[in-house]
Amino acid sequence: MRNNIRVERAKMRISQEELADAVKATRQSIHLIENGKSEPKLRLALKISKFFALKIEDVFEYE
């Protein structure tokens, strides 16, 4: 699964830690998801999408 988390974080100028705090996750989880090492559970994917005010399919792309 590909994602645009890094791009969206850069647009907002926030760190992985700040995103993690906002969506109630760990920085390590955000790091793993962002780098394609792990896939988020649906609830976390929805929280991340909502945080960026985007549709889930605008943040995550199933390959």
PDB file of N, CA and C in Angstrom:
ATOM      1  N   MET A   1       0.840  -1.174   0.000  1.00  0.00           N
ATOM      2  CA  MET A   1       0.000   0.000   0.000  1.00  0.00           C
ATOM      3  C   MET A   1       0.887   1.240   0.000  1.00  0.00           C
ATOM      4  N   ARG A   2       0.658   2.106  -0.969  1.00  0.00           N
ATOM      5  CA  ARG A   2       1.409   3.357  -1.030  1.00  0.00           C
ATOM      6  C   ARG A   2       0.631   4.432  -0.288  1.00  0.00           C
ATOM      7  N   ASN A   3       1.343   5.475   0.152  1.00  0.00           N
ATOM      8  CA  ASN A   3       0.661   6.563   0.840  1.00  0.00           C
ATOM      9  C   ASN A   3       1.367   7.885   0.580  1.00  0.00           C
ATOM     10  N   ASN A   4       0.662   8.954   0.877  1.00  0.00           N
ATOM     11  CA  ASN A   4       1.162  10.307   0.686  1.00  0.00           C
ATOM     12  C   ASN A   4       1.387  11.018   2.019  1.00  0.00           C
ATOM     13  N   ILE A   5       1.606  10.273   3.068  1.00  0.00           N
ATOM     14  CA  ILE A   5       1.739  10.876   4.392  1.00  0.00           C
ATOM     15  C   ILE A   5       2.910  11.851   4.442  1.00  0.00           C
ATOM     16  N   ARG A   6       4.048  11.460   3.924  1.00  0.00           N
ATOM     17  CA  ARG A   6       5.226  12.327   3.968  1.00  0.00           C
ATOM     18  C   ARG A   6       4.953  13.657   3.242  1.00  0.00           C
ATOM     19  N   VAL A   7       4.311  13.570   2.090  1.00  0.00           N
ATOM     20  CA  VAL A   7       3.992  14.774   1.313  1.00  0.00           C
ATOM     21  C   VAL A   7       3.033  15.674   2.090  1.00  0.00           C
ATOM     22  N   GLU A   8       1.993  15.078   2.647  1.00  0.00           N
ATOM     23  CA  GLU A   8       1.004  15.860   3.396  1.00  0.00           C
ATOM     24  C   GLU A   8       1.616  16.471   4.657  1.00  0.00           C
ATOM     25  N   ARG A   9       2.496  15.727   5.325  1.00  0.00           N
ATOM     26  CA  ARG A   9       3.183  16.279   6.504  1.00  0.00           C
ATOM     27  C   ARG A   9       4.047  17.469   6.109  1.00  0.00           C
ATOM     28  N   ALA A  10       4.731  17.332   4.969  1.00  0.00           N
ATOM     29  CA  ALA A  10       5.598  18.412   4.499  1.00  0.00           C
ATOM     30  C   ALA A  10       4.788  19.669   4.191  1.00  0.00           C
ATOM     31  N   LYS A  11       3.623  19.492   3.589  1.00  0.00           N
ATOM     32  CA  LYS A  11       2.757  20.641   3.287  1.00  0.00           C
ATOM     33  C   LYS A  11       2.372  21.386   4.562  1.00  0.00           C
ATOM     34  N   MET A  12       2.137  20.623   5.632  1.00  0.00           N
ATOM     35  CA  MET A  12       1.714  21.217   6.903  1.00  0.00           C
ATOM     36  C   MET A  12       2.903  21.576   7.803  1.00  0.00           C
ATOM     37  N   ARG A  13       4.081  21.155   7.366  1.00  0.00           N
ATOM     38  CA  ARG A  13       5.304  21.384   8.145  1.00  0.00           C
ATOM     39  C   ARG A  13       5.197  20.831   9.570  1.00  0.00           C
ATOM     40  N   ILE A  14       4.796  19.558   9.632  1.00  0.00           N
ATOM     41  CA  ILE A  14       4.716  18.884  10.931  1.00  0.00           C
ATOM     42  C   ILE A  14       5.595  17.648  10.921  1.00  0.00           C
ATOM     43  N   SER A  15       6.009  17.240  12.081  1.00  0.00           N
ATOM     44  CA  SER A  15       6.862  16.062  12.233  1.00  0.00           C
ATOM     45  C   SER A  15       6.007  14.802  12.359  1.00  0.00           C
ATOM     46  N   GLN A  16       6.681  13.666  12.273  1.00  0.00           N
ATOM     47  CA  GLN A  16       5.992  12.390  12.515  1.00  0.00           C
ATOM     48  C   GLN A  16       5.428  12.376  13.930  1.00  0.00           C
ATOM     49  N   GLU A  17       6.167  12.928  14.864  1.00  0.00           N
ATOM     50  CA  GLU A  17       5.739  12.969  16.268  1.00  0.00           C
ATOM     51  C   GLU A  17       4.457  13.788  16.419  1.00  0.00           C
ATOM     52  N   GLU A  18       4.385  14.920  15.745  1.00  0.00           N
ATOM     53  CA  GLU A  18       3.195  15.765  15.833  1.00  0.00           C
ATOM     54  C   GLU A  18       1.981  15.074  15.217  1.00  0.00           C
ATOM     55  N   LEU A  19       2.178  14.401  14.095  1.00  0.00           N
ATOM     56  CA  LEU A  19       1.084  13.647  13.487  1.00  0.00           C
ATOM     57  C   LEU A  19       0.652  12.519  14.412  1.00  0.00           C
ATOM     58  N   ALA A  20       1.619  11.814  14.951  1.00  0.00           N
ATOM     59  CA  ALA A  20       1.316  10.706  15.856  1.00  0.00           C
ATOM     60  C   ALA A  20       0.495  11.186  17.052  1.00  0.00           C
ATOM     61  N   ASP A  21       0.888  12.294  17.647  1.00  0.00           N
ATOM     62  CA  ASP A  21       0.139  12.844  18.783  1.00  0.00           C
ATOM     63  C   ASP A  21      -1.287  13.191  18.380  1.00  0.00           C
ATOM     64  N   ALA A  22      -1.459  13.764  17.201  1.00  0.00           N
ATOM     65  CA  ALA A  22      -2.773  14.195  16.735  1.00  0.00           C
ATOM     66  C   ALA A  22      -3.724  13.029  16.479  1.00  0.00           C
ATOM     67  N   VAL A  23      -3.182  11.901  16.039  1.00  0.00           N
ATOM     68  CA  VAL A  23      -4.035  10.743  15.714  1.00  0.00           C
ATOM     69  C   VAL A  23      -3.956   9.642  16.771  1.00  0.00           C
ATOM     70  N   LYS A  24      -3.313   9.960  17.889  1.00  0.00           N
ATOM     71  CA  LYS A  24      -3.196   9.016  19.016  1.00  0.00           C
ATOM     72  C   LYS A  24      -2.492   7.717  18.615  1.00  0.00           C
ATOM     73  N   ALA A  25      -1.346   7.877  17.973  1.00  0.00           N
ATOM     74  CA  ALA A  25      -0.519   6.730  17.577  1.00  0.00           C
ATOM     75  C   ALA A  25       0.903   7.000  18.056  1.00  0.00           C
ATOM     76  N   THR A  26       1.773   6.041  17.838  1.00  0.00           N
ATOM     77  CA  THR A  26       3.175   6.261  18.190  1.00  0.00           C
ATOM     78  C   THR A  26       3.926   6.793  16.976  1.00  0.00           C
ATOM     79  N   ARG A  27       5.018   7.494  17.222  1.00  0.00           N
ATOM     80  CA  ARG A  27       5.847   7.990  16.132  1.00  0.00           C
ATOM     81  C   ARG A  27       6.370   6.829  15.312  1.00  0.00           C
ATOM     82  N   GLN A  28       6.691   5.727  15.984  1.00  0.00           N
ATOM     83  CA  GLN A  28       7.202   4.547  15.293  1.00  0.00           C
ATOM     84  C   GLN A  28       6.164   3.990  14.325  1.00  0.00           C
ATOM     85  N   SER A  29       4.898   3.987  14.726  1.00  0.00           N
ATOM     86  CA  SER A  29       3.824   3.509  13.841  1.00  0.00           C
ATOM     87  C   SER A  29       3.723   4.383  12.605  1.00  0.00           C
ATOM     88  N   ILE A  30       3.763   5.692  12.801  1.00  0.00           N
ATOM     89  CA  ILE A  30       3.691   6.615  11.673  1.00  0.00           C
ATOM     90  C   ILE A  30       4.884   6.395  10.750  1.00  0.00           C
ATOM     91  N   HIS A  31       6.068   6.238  11.332  1.00  0.00           N
ATOM     92  CA  HIS A  31       7.278   6.001  10.548  1.00  0.00           C
ATOM     93  C   HIS A  31       7.142   4.738   9.695  1.00  0.00           C
ATOM     94  N   LEU A  32       6.698   3.648  10.291  1.00  0.00           N
ATOM     95  CA  LEU A  32       6.563   2.382   9.568  1.00  0.00           C
ATOM     96  C   LEU A  32       5.528   2.472   8.453  1.00  0.00           C
ATOM     97  N   ILE A  33       4.405   3.123   8.731  1.00  0.00           N
ATOM     98  CA  ILE A  33       3.358   3.276   7.720  1.00  0.00           C
ATOM     99  C   ILE A  33       3.857   4.166   6.583  1.00  0.00           C
ATOM    100  N   GLU A  34       4.446   5.289   6.954  1.00  0.00           N
ATOM    101  CA  GLU A  34       4.923   6.255   5.959  1.00  0.00           C
ATOM    102  C   GLU A  34       5.950   5.648   5.020  1.00  0.00           C
ATOM    103  N   ASN A  35       6.776   4.755   5.533  1.00  0.00           N
ATOM    104  CA  ASN A  35       7.835   4.145   4.728  1.00  0.00           C
ATOM    105  C   ASN A  35       7.440   2.802   4.118  1.00  0.00           C
ATOM    106  N   GLY A  36       6.164   2.464   4.201  1.00  0.00           N
ATOM    107  CA  GLY A  36       5.660   1.256   3.560  1.00  0.00           C
ATOM    108  C   GLY A  36       6.065  -0.040   4.228  1.00  0.00           C
ATOM    109  N   LYS A  37       6.520   0.036   5.463  1.00  0.00           N
ATOM    110  CA  LYS A  37       6.937  -1.166   6.196  1.00  0.00           C
ATOM    111  C   LYS A  37       5.765  -1.816   6.931  1.00  0.00           C
ATOM    112  N   SER A  38       4.660  -1.065   7.063  1.00  0.00           N
ATOM    113  CA  SER A  38       3.492  -1.547   7.776  1.00  0.00           C
ATOM    114  C   SER A  38       2.254  -0.901   7.168  1.00  0.00           C
ATOM    115  N   GLU A  39       1.126  -1.584   7.283  1.00  0.00           N
ATOM    116  CA  GLU A  39      -0.136  -1.019   6.816  1.00  0.00           C
ATOM    117  C   GLU A  39      -0.974  -0.646   8.032  1.00  0.00           C
ATOM    118  N   PRO A  40      -1.614   0.510   7.982  1.00  0.00           N
ATOM    119  CA  PRO A  40      -2.406   0.932   9.141  1.00  0.00           C
ATOM    120  C   PRO A  40      -3.711   0.162   9.227  1.00  0.00           C
ATOM    121  N   LYS A  41      -4.209   0.038  10.426  1.00  0.00           N
ATOM    122  CA  LYS A  41      -5.557  -0.491  10.594  1.00  0.00           C
ATOM    123  C   LYS A  41      -6.513   0.575  10.071  1.00  0.00           C
ATOM    124  N   LEU A  42      -7.702   0.175   9.723  1.00  0.00           N
ATOM    125  CA  LEU A  42      -8.672   1.081   9.121  1.00  0.00           C
ATOM    126  C   LEU A  42      -8.918   2.307   9.991  1.00  0.00           C
ATOM    127  N   ARG A  43      -9.079   2.117  11.273  1.00  0.00           N
ATOM    128  CA  ARG A  43      -9.361   3.235  12.175  1.00  0.00           C
ATOM    129  C   ARG A  43      -8.247   4.279  12.122  1.00  0.00           C
ATOM    130  N   LEU A  44      -6.995   3.832  12.134  1.00  0.00           N
ATOM    131  CA  LEU A  44      -5.864   4.763  12.087  1.00  0.00           C
ATOM    132  C   LEU A  44      -5.788   5.440  10.716  1.00  0.00           C
ATOM    133  N   ALA A  45      -6.036   4.703   9.657  1.00  0.00           N
ATOM    134  CA  ALA A  45      -6.026   5.287   8.320  1.00  0.00           C
ATOM    135  C   ALA A  45      -7.088   6.383   8.211  1.00  0.00           C
ATOM    136  N   LEU A  46      -8.251   6.144   8.790  1.00  0.00           N
ATOM    137  CA  LEU A  46      -9.314   7.147   8.783  1.00  0.00           C
ATOM    138  C   LEU A  46      -8.920   8.378   9.592  1.00  0.00           C
ATOM    139  N   LYS A  47      -8.297   8.163  10.748  1.00  0.00           N
ATOM    140  CA  LYS A  47      -7.853   9.290  11.577  1.00  0.00           C
ATOM    141  C   LYS A  47      -6.814  10.136  10.849  1.00  0.00           C
ATOM    142  N   ILE A  48      -5.880   9.477  10.180  1.00  0.00           N
ATOM    143  CA  ILE A  48      -4.834  10.194   9.437  1.00  0.00           C
ATOM    144  C   ILE A  48      -5.465  10.999   8.304  1.00  0.00           C
ATOM    145  N   SER A  49      -6.359  10.389   7.566  1.00  0.00           N
ATOM    146  CA  SER A  49      -7.038  11.076   6.463  1.00  0.00           C
ATOM    147  C   SER A  49      -7.828  12.277   6.969  1.00  0.00           C
ATOM    148  N   LYS A  50      -8.547  12.076   8.052  1.00  0.00           N
ATOM    149  CA  LYS A  50      -9.337  13.162   8.627  1.00  0.00           C
ATOM    150  C   LYS A  50      -8.427  14.297   9.098  1.00  0.00           C
ATOM    151  N   PHE A  51      -7.309  13.963   9.691  1.00  0.00           N
ATOM    152  CA  PHE A  51      -6.360  14.981  10.153  1.00  0.00           C
ATOM    153  C   PHE A  51      -5.921  15.869   8.986  1.00  0.00           C
ATOM    154  N   PHE A  52      -5.658  15.265   7.840  1.00  0.00           N
ATOM    155  CA  PHE A  52      -5.230  16.021   6.664  1.00  0.00           C
ATOM    156  C   PHE A  52      -6.411  16.622   5.899  1.00  0.00           C
ATOM    157  N   ALA A  53      -7.629  16.353   6.349  1.00  0.00           N
ATOM    158  CA  ALA A  53      -8.865  16.826   5.696  1.00  0.00           C
ATOM    159  C   ALA A  53      -8.941  16.328   4.251  1.00  0.00           C
ATOM    160  N   LEU A  54      -8.584  15.054   4.079  1.00  0.00           N
ATOM    161  CA  LEU A  54      -8.608  14.416   2.767  1.00  0.00           C
ATOM    162  C   LEU A  54      -9.419  13.133   2.824  1.00  0.00           C
ATOM    163  N   LYS A  55      -9.837  12.661   1.659  1.00  0.00           N
ATOM    164  CA  LYS A  55     -10.472  11.347   1.578  1.00  0.00           C
ATOM    165  C   LYS A  55      -9.389  10.298   1.801  1.00  0.00           C
ATOM    166  N   ILE A  56      -9.795   9.175   2.323  1.00  0.00           N
ATOM    167  CA  ILE A  56      -8.831   8.110   2.617  1.00  0.00           C
ATOM    168  C   ILE A  56      -8.091   7.687   1.341  1.00  0.00           C
ATOM    169  N   GLU A  57      -8.787   7.674   0.205  1.00  0.00           N
ATOM    170  CA  GLU A  57      -8.128   7.262  -1.038  1.00  0.00           C
ATOM    171  C   GLU A  57      -7.174   8.324  -1.572  1.00  0.00           C
ATOM    172  N   ASP A  58      -7.245   9.546  -1.035  1.00  0.00           N
ATOM    173  CA  ASP A  58      -6.275  10.579  -1.410  1.00  0.00           C
ATOM    174  C   ASP A  58      -4.978  10.471  -0.610  1.00  0.00           C
ATOM    175  N   VAL A  59      -5.034   9.734   0.475  1.00  0.00           N
ATOM    176  CA  VAL A  59      -3.835   9.524   1.317  1.00  0.00           C
ATOM    177  C   VAL A  59      -3.226   8.149   1.066  1.00  0.00           C
ATOM    178  N   PHE A  60      -4.083   7.145   0.934  1.00  0.00           N
ATOM    179  CA  PHE A  60      -3.624   5.767   0.772  1.00  0.00           C
ATOM    180  C   PHE A  60      -4.040   5.220  -0.582  1.00  0.00           C
ATOM    181  N   GLU A  61      -3.127   4.491  -1.212  1.00  0.00           N
ATOM    182  CA  GLU A  61      -3.399   3.888  -2.517  1.00  0.00           C
ATOM    183  C   GLU A  61      -3.045   2.407  -2.459  1.00  0.00           C
ATOM    184  N   TYR A  62      -4.037   1.575  -2.695  1.00  0.00           N
ATOM    185  CA  TYR A  62      -3.800   0.128  -2.692  1.00  0.00           C
ATOM    186  C   TYR A  62      -3.180  -0.270  -4.010  1.00  0.00           C
ATOM    187  N   GLU A  63      -2.069  -0.980  -3.939  1.00  0.00           N
ATOM    188  CA  GLU A  63      -1.351  -1.399  -5.161  1.00  0.00           C
ATOM    189  C   GLU A  63      -1.833  -2.751  -5.626  1.00  0.00           C
TER     190      GLU A  63
END
